[in-house]
PDB file of N, CA and C in Angstrom:
ATOM      1  N   MET A   1       1.032  -1.573   0.197  1.00  0.00           N
ATOM      2  CA  MET A   1       0.182   0.200   0.081  1.00  0.00           C
ATOM      3  C   MET A   1       0.647   1.184   0.150  1.00  0.00           C
ATOM      4  N   LYS A   2       0.617   2.124  -0.927  1.00  0.00           N
ATOM      5  CA  LYS A   2       1.165   3.723  -0.964  1.00  0.00           C
ATOM      6  C   LYS A   2       0.727   4.456   0.455  1.00  0.00           C
ATOM      7  N   LYS A   3       2.174   4.709   0.914  1.00  0.00           N
ATOM      8  CA  LYS A   3       1.518   5.415   2.186  1.00  0.00           C
ATOM      9  C   LYS A   3       0.925   6.836   1.563  1.00  0.00           C
ATOM     10  N   ARG A   4       0.082   7.599   2.165  1.00  0.00           N
ATOM     11  CA  ARG A   4       0.053   8.963   1.554  1.00  0.00           C
ATOM     12  C   ARG A   4       0.582   9.961   2.642  1.00  0.00           C
ATOM     13  N   ASN A   5       0.951  11.065   1.904  1.00  0.00           N
ATOM     14  CA  ASN A   5       1.392  12.609   2.620  1.00  0.00           C
ATOM     15  C   ASN A   5      -0.045  13.240   3.572  1.00  0.00           C
ATOM     16  N   VAL A   6       0.341  13.659   4.660  1.00  0.00           N
ATOM     17  CA  VAL A   6      -0.606  13.990   5.201  1.00  0.00           C
ATOM     18  C   VAL A   6       0.052  15.209   5.867  1.00  0.00           C
ATOM     19  N   ALA A   7      -0.452  16.569   5.524  1.00  0.00           N
ATOM     20  CA  ALA A   7      -0.097  17.567   6.237  1.00  0.00           C
ATOM     21  C   ALA A   7      -0.743  18.287   7.267  1.00  0.00           C
ATOM     22  N   ILE A   8      -0.135  18.765   8.143  1.00  0.00           N
ATOM     23  CA  ILE A   8      -0.878  19.263   9.424  1.00  0.00           C
ATOM     24  C   ILE A   8      -0.345  20.835   9.772  1.00  0.00           C
ATOM     25  N   LEU A   9      -1.577  21.393   9.112  1.00  0.00           N
ATOM     26  CA  LEU A   9      -0.731  23.266   8.796  1.00  0.00           C
ATOM     27  C   LEU A   9      -1.350  23.912  10.652  1.00  0.00           C
ATOM     28  N   LEU A  10       0.186  24.808  10.425  1.00  0.00           N
ATOM     29  CA  LEU A  10       0.362  25.038  11.512  1.00  0.00           C
ATOM     30  C   LEU A  10       0.605  26.665  11.735  1.00  0.00           C
ATOM     31  N   PHE A  11      -0.030  27.056  12.497  1.00  0.00           N
ATOM     32  CA  PHE A  11      -0.310  29.139  12.172  1.00  0.00           C
ATOM     33  C   PHE A  11       0.095  29.378  13.650  1.00  0.00           C
ATOM     34  N   ASP A  12       0.313  30.831  14.140  1.00  0.00           N
ATOM     35  CA  ASP A  12       0.213  31.613  14.634  1.00  0.00           C
ATOM     36  C   ASP A  12      -1.371  31.615  15.428  1.00  0.00           C
ATOM     37  N   ASP A  13      -1.314  31.585  16.603  1.00  0.00           N
ATOM     38  CA  ASP A  13      -2.374  30.985  17.733  1.00  0.00           C
ATOM     39  C   ASP A  13      -3.626  30.200  17.573  1.00  0.00           C
ATOM     40  N   VAL A  14      -3.200  29.263  17.019  1.00  0.00           N
ATOM     41  CA  VAL A  14      -3.749  27.694  16.962  1.00  0.00           C
ATOM     42  C   VAL A  14      -3.837  26.692  17.645  1.00  0.00           C
ATOM     43  N   GLU A  15      -5.176  26.701  18.068  1.00  0.00           N
ATOM     44  CA  GLU A  15      -5.222  25.758  19.335  1.00  0.00           C
ATOM     45  C   GLU A  15      -4.550  24.162  19.050  1.00  0.00           C
ATOM     46  N   VAL A  16      -3.333  23.994  20.250  1.00  0.00           N
ATOM     47  CA  VAL A  16      -2.421  23.113  20.592  1.00  0.00           C
ATOM     48  C   VAL A  16      -3.407  21.521  19.968  1.00  0.00           C
ATOM     49  N   LEU A  17      -4.946  21.197  20.326  1.00  0.00           N
ATOM     50  CA  LEU A  17      -5.643  19.687  20.619  1.00  0.00           C
ATOM     51  C   LEU A  17      -5.657  19.911  19.310  1.00  0.00           C
ATOM     52  N   ASP A  18      -5.731  21.204  18.136  1.00  0.00           N
ATOM     53  CA  ASP A  18      -6.535  21.331  17.115  1.00  0.00           C
ATOM     54  C   ASP A  18      -5.405  20.197  15.633  1.00  0.00           C
ATOM     55  N   PHE A  19      -3.887  20.370  16.018  1.00  0.00           N
ATOM     56  CA  PHE A  19      -3.438  19.302  15.137  1.00  0.00           C
ATOM     57  C   PHE A  19      -2.966  18.665  15.918  1.00  0.00           C
ATOM     58  N   ALA A  20      -2.756  18.584  17.361  1.00  0.00           N
ATOM     59  CA  ALA A  20      -1.884  17.712  18.273  1.00  0.00           C
ATOM     60  C   ALA A  20      -2.919  16.467  18.038  1.00  0.00           C
ATOM     61  N   GLY A  21      -3.957  16.669  18.118  1.00  0.00           N
ATOM     62  CA  GLY A  21      -4.934  15.467  18.429  1.00  0.00           C
ATOM     63  C   GLY A  21      -4.974  14.391  16.718  1.00  0.00           C
ATOM     64  N   PRO A  22      -5.327  15.408  15.620  1.00  0.00           N
ATOM     65  CA  PRO A  22      -5.159  14.861  14.559  1.00  0.00           C
ATOM     66  C   PRO A  22      -3.899  14.024  13.910  1.00  0.00           C
ATOM     67  N   PHE A  23      -2.739  14.685  14.779  1.00  0.00           N
ATOM     68  CA  PHE A  23      -1.305  13.939  14.722  1.00  0.00           C
ATOM     69  C   PHE A  23      -1.478  12.457  15.170  1.00  0.00           C
ATOM     70  N   GLU A  24      -1.819  12.342  16.440  1.00  0.00           N
ATOM     71  CA  GLU A  24      -1.702  11.388  17.323  1.00  0.00           C
ATOM     72  C   GLU A  24      -2.710  10.315  16.713  1.00  0.00           C
ATOM     73  N   VAL A  25      -3.792  10.664  15.890  1.00  0.00           N
ATOM     74  CA  VAL A  25      -4.791  10.104  15.691  1.00  0.00           C
ATOM     75  C   VAL A  25      -4.111   9.249  14.557  1.00  0.00           C
ATOM     76  N   LEU A  26      -3.458   9.695  13.685  1.00  0.00           N
ATOM     77  CA  LEU A  26      -2.802   8.801  12.672  1.00  0.00           C
ATOM     78  C   LEU A  26      -1.673   8.157  13.080  1.00  0.00           C
ATOM     79  N   ALA A  27      -0.637   8.655  13.940  1.00  0.00           N
ATOM     80  CA  ALA A  27      -0.239   7.983  14.277  1.00  0.00           C
ATOM     81  C   ALA A  27      -0.395   6.518  14.814  1.00  0.00           C
ATOM     82  N   VAL A  28      -1.449   6.239  15.984  1.00  0.00           N
ATOM     83  CA  VAL A  28      -1.319   5.399  16.394  1.00  0.00           C
ATOM     84  C   VAL A  28      -2.445   4.485  14.876  1.00  0.00           C
ATOM     85  N   THR A  29      -2.939   4.986  14.254  1.00  0.00           N
ATOM     86  CA  THR A  29      -3.591   3.792  12.675  1.00  0.00           C
ATOM     87  C   THR A  29      -2.060   3.404  12.404  1.00  0.00           C
ATOM     88  N   ASP A  30      -1.082   4.238  11.901  1.00  0.00           N
ATOM     89  CA  ASP A  30      -0.010   3.036  11.797  1.00  0.00           C
ATOM     90  C   ASP A  30       0.201   2.310  12.756  1.00  0.00           C
ATOM     91  N   GLU A  31       0.526   2.099  13.997  1.00  0.00           N
ATOM     92  CA  GLU A  31       0.952   1.771  14.661  1.00  0.00           C
ATOM     93  C   GLU A  31      -0.259   0.070  15.196  1.00  0.00           C
ATOM     94  N   LEU A  32      -1.204   0.361  15.259  1.00  0.00           N
ATOM     95  CA  LEU A  32      -2.667  -0.471  14.600  1.00  0.00           C
ATOM     96  C   LEU A  32      -2.392  -1.439  13.397  1.00  0.00           C
ATOM     97  N   ASN A  33      -1.750  -0.997  12.766  1.00  0.00           N
ATOM     98  CA  ASN A  33      -1.275  -1.662  11.282  1.00  0.00           C
ATOM     99  C   ASN A  33      -0.500  -2.321  10.913  1.00  0.00           C
ATOM    100  N   ASN A  34       0.605  -2.276  11.751  1.00  0.00           N
ATOM    101  CA  ASN A  34       1.826  -2.240  11.690  1.00  0.00           C
ATOM    102  C   ASN A  34       2.311  -2.328  10.528  1.00  0.00           C
ATOM    103  N   HIS A  35       2.468  -1.407   9.885  1.00  0.00           N
ATOM    104  CA  HIS A  35       2.827  -0.884   8.905  1.00  0.00           C
ATOM    105  C   HIS A  35       2.506   0.819   8.673  1.00  0.00           C
ATOM    106  N   THR A  36       3.553   1.718   8.027  1.00  0.00           N
ATOM    107  CA  THR A  36       2.783   3.116   7.622  1.00  0.00           C
ATOM    108  C   THR A  36       1.956   3.207   6.786  1.00  0.00           C
ATOM    109  N   ILE A  37       1.106   4.137   7.074  1.00  0.00           N
ATOM    110  CA  ILE A  37      -0.145   4.361   5.814  1.00  0.00           C
ATOM    111  C   ILE A  37       0.089   5.509   5.887  1.00  0.00           C
ATOM    112  N   PHE A  38       0.226   6.621   6.294  1.00  0.00           N
ATOM    113  CA  PHE A  38       0.490   7.767   6.411  1.00  0.00           C
ATOM    114  C   PHE A  38       1.554   8.476   6.723  1.00  0.00           C
ATOM    115  N   ASN A  39       2.676   9.668   5.886  1.00  0.00           N
ATOM    116  CA  ASN A  39       3.350  10.008   6.546  1.00  0.00           C
ATOM    117  C   ASN A  39       2.961  11.698   7.087  1.00  0.00           C
ATOM    118  N   VAL A  40       2.970  11.780   8.202  1.00  0.00           N
ATOM    119  CA  VAL A  40       2.444  12.578   8.759  1.00  0.00           C
ATOM    120  C   VAL A  40       3.170  13.459   9.429  1.00  0.00           C
ATOM    121  N   PHE A  41       3.683  15.010   8.964  1.00  0.00           N
ATOM    122  CA  PHE A  41       4.142  15.958   8.851  1.00  0.00           C
ATOM    123  C   PHE A  41       3.860  17.535   9.549  1.00  0.00           C
ATOM    124  N   THR A  42       3.841  18.696   9.967  1.00  0.00           N
ATOM    125  CA  THR A  42       3.425  19.952  10.231  1.00  0.00           C
ATOM    126  C   THR A  42       4.181  20.688   8.802  1.00  0.00           C
ATOM    127  N   VAL A  43       3.482  21.479   8.361  1.00  0.00           N
ATOM    128  CA  VAL A  43       3.585  22.671   7.903  1.00  0.00           C
ATOM    129  C   VAL A  43       3.468  24.192   8.283  1.00  0.00           C
ATOM    130  N   ALA A  44       4.003  24.960   7.806  1.00  0.00           N
ATOM    131  CA  ALA A  44       3.684  26.267   8.205  1.00  0.00           C
ATOM    132  C   ALA A  44       4.029  27.723   6.986  1.00  0.00           C
ATOM    133  N   GLU A  45       3.804  28.565   6.988  1.00  0.00           N
ATOM    134  CA  GLU A  45       4.591  29.675   5.990  1.00  0.00           C
ATOM    135  C   GLU A  45       5.564  29.892   5.779  1.00  0.00           C
ATOM    136  N   THR A  46       6.171  29.350   6.840  1.00  0.00           N
ATOM    137  CA  THR A  46       7.998  29.625   6.941  1.00  0.00           C
ATOM    138  C   THR A  46       8.529  28.747   7.871  1.00  0.00           C
ATOM    139  N   HIS A  47       9.500  28.416   7.716  1.00  0.00           N
ATOM    140  CA  HIS A  47      10.489  26.962   8.597  1.00  0.00           C
ATOM    141  C   HIS A  47      10.499  27.802  10.343  1.00  0.00           C
ATOM    142  N   HIS A  48       9.708  28.824  10.375  1.00  0.00           N
ATOM    143  CA  HIS A  48      10.078  29.505  11.962  1.00  0.00           C
ATOM    144  C   HIS A  48       9.353  29.553  12.171  1.00  0.00           C
ATOM    145  N   ALA A  49       9.662  29.136  13.686  1.00  0.00           N
ATOM    146  CA  ALA A  49       8.607  29.049  14.519  1.00  0.00           C
ATOM    147  C   ALA A  49       7.008  29.602  15.287  1.00  0.00           C
ATOM    148  N   ILE A  50       5.986  28.671  15.512  1.00  0.00           N
ATOM    149  CA  ILE A  50       4.925  29.180  15.434  1.00  0.00           C
ATOM    150  C   ILE A  50       4.142  29.125  17.000  1.00  0.00           C
ATOM    151  N   LYS A  51       3.866  30.124  17.479  1.00  0.00           N
ATOM    152  CA  LYS A  51       3.212  30.444  18.578  1.00  0.00           C
ATOM    153  C   LYS A  51       2.139  29.928  18.668  1.00  0.00           C
ATOM    154  N   PRO A  52       1.634  28.887  18.786  1.00  0.00           N
ATOM    155  CA  PRO A  52       0.245  28.759  19.426  1.00  0.00           C
ATOM    156  C   PRO A  52      -0.033  29.076  20.576  1.00  0.00           C
ATOM    157  N   ARG A  53      -1.814  28.991  20.585  1.00  0.00           N
ATOM    158  CA  ARG A  53      -2.565  29.464  22.140  1.00  0.00           C
ATOM    159  C   ARG A  53      -1.620  29.305  23.300  1.00  0.00           C
ATOM    160  N   ASN A  54      -1.303  30.276  24.651  1.00  0.00           N
ATOM    161  CA  ASN A  54      -0.822  29.801  25.921  1.00  0.00           C
ATOM    162  C   ASN A  54       0.314  29.454  25.632  1.00  0.00           C
ATOM    163  N   GLY A  55       1.252  29.818  24.877  1.00  0.00           N
ATOM    164  CA  GLY A  55       2.367  30.180  25.019  1.00  0.00           C
ATOM    165  C   GLY A  55       3.775  29.209  24.305  1.00  0.00           C
ATOM    166  N   LEU A  56       3.374  28.084  24.020  1.00  0.00           N
ATOM    167  CA  LEU A  56       3.648  26.562  23.638  1.00  0.00           C
ATOM    168  C   LEU A  56       4.776  27.058  22.294  1.00  0.00           C
ATOM    169  N   SER A  57       5.901  27.017  22.001  1.00  0.00           N
ATOM    170  CA  SER A  57       6.300  27.027  20.500  1.00  0.00           C
ATOM    171  C   SER A  57       6.039  25.750  19.737  1.00  0.00           C
ATOM    172  N   VAL A  58       6.614  25.997  18.659  1.00  0.00           N
ATOM    173  CA  VAL A  58       6.253  24.864  18.153  1.00  0.00           C
ATOM    174  C   VAL A  58       7.273  25.027  16.767  1.00  0.00           C
ATOM    175  N   ASN A  59       8.183  24.299  16.406  1.00  0.00           N
ATOM    176  CA  ASN A  59       9.016  24.184  14.551  1.00  0.00           C
ATOM    177  C   ASN A  59       8.270  23.518  14.154  1.00  0.00           C
ATOM    178  N   PRO A  60       8.037  23.427  12.756  1.00  0.00           N
ATOM    179  CA  PRO A  60       6.754  23.052  12.037  1.00  0.00           C
ATOM    180  C   PRO A  60       8.029  22.173  10.609  1.00  0.00           C
ATOM    181  N   ASP A  61       7.962  21.016  10.678  1.00  0.00           N
ATOM    182  CA  ASP A  61       8.664  20.171   9.532  1.00  0.00           C
ATOM    183  C   ASP A  61       9.210  20.643   8.419  1.00  0.00           C
ATOM    184  N   TYR A  62       8.201  21.343   8.040  1.00  0.00           N
ATOM    185  CA  TYR A  62       8.287  21.851   6.544  1.00  0.00           C
ATOM    186  C   TYR A  62       8.091  23.285   6.562  1.00  0.00           C
ATOM    187  N   ALA A  63       8.540  24.184   5.796  1.00  0.00           N
ATOM    188  CA  ALA A  63       7.483  25.439   4.902  1.00  0.00           C
ATOM    189  C   ALA A  63       7.084  25.384   4.010  1.00  0.00           C
ATOM    190  N   LEU A  64       5.727  25.875   3.599  1.00  0.00           N
ATOM    191  CA  LEU A  64       4.711  25.317   2.433  1.00  0.00           C
ATOM    192  C   LEU A  64       5.708  25.037   1.291  1.00  0.00           C
ATOM    193  N   SER A  65       6.361  25.679   1.019  1.00  0.00           N
ATOM    194  CA  SER A  65       7.068  25.708  -0.331  1.00  0.00           C
ATOM    195  C   SER A  65       8.038  24.739  -0.471  1.00  0.00           C
ATOM    196  N   THR A  66       8.847  23.923   0.501  1.00  0.00           N
ATOM    197  CA  THR A  66       9.450  22.680   0.825  1.00  0.00           C
ATOM    198  C   THR A  66       8.615  21.514   1.164  1.00  0.00           C
ATOM    199  N   ALA A  67       7.017  21.681   1.397  1.00  0.00           N
ATOM    200  CA  ALA A  67       6.468  20.562   2.009  1.00  0.00           C
ATOM    201  C   ALA A  67       6.726  18.943   0.928  1.00  0.00           C
ATOM    202  N   PRO A  68       6.869  17.848   0.992  1.00  0.00           N
ATOM    203  CA  PRO A  68       6.126  16.791   0.430  1.00  0.00           C
ATOM    204  C   PRO A  68       4.976  17.438  -0.639  1.00  0.00           C
ATOM    205  N   CYS A  69       5.089  16.428  -1.448  1.00  0.00           N
ATOM    206  CA  CYS A  69       3.823  16.659  -3.048  1.00  0.00           C
ATOM    207  C   CYS A  69       2.566  16.056  -1.993  1.00  0.00           C
ATOM    208  N   LEU A  70       1.653  16.739  -1.850  1.00  0.00           N
ATOM    209  CA  LEU A  70       0.245  16.706  -1.239  1.00  0.00           C
ATOM    210  C   LEU A  70      -0.743  16.322  -2.786  1.00  0.00           C
ATOM    211  N   ILE A  71      -1.662  15.319  -2.485  1.00  0.00           N
ATOM    212  CA  ILE A  71      -2.792  15.293  -3.561  1.00  0.00           C
ATOM    213  C   ILE A  71      -3.968  15.495  -2.809  1.00  0.00           C
ATOM    214  N   PHE A  72      -4.587  16.385  -3.014  1.00  0.00           N
ATOM    215  CA  PHE A  72      -6.021  16.829  -2.608  1.00  0.00           C
ATOM    216  C   PHE A  72      -7.529  16.205  -3.166  1.00  0.00           C
TER     217      PHE A  72
END
């Protein structure tokens, strides 16, 4: 089965659970199937850290311009 790229968009003032929850669900899906179905990564407008609500700092895996190919 071909792995699917899944980008989780990060931006300033995003709620942490809005990106962390889906990331965890997709990771557990891979673990339950004993093989990788999804290539999950985070993207933001730039490579610079984003500031979600409540002061956490998160570094995206990719900038939008350098992210792996996505099929919509």
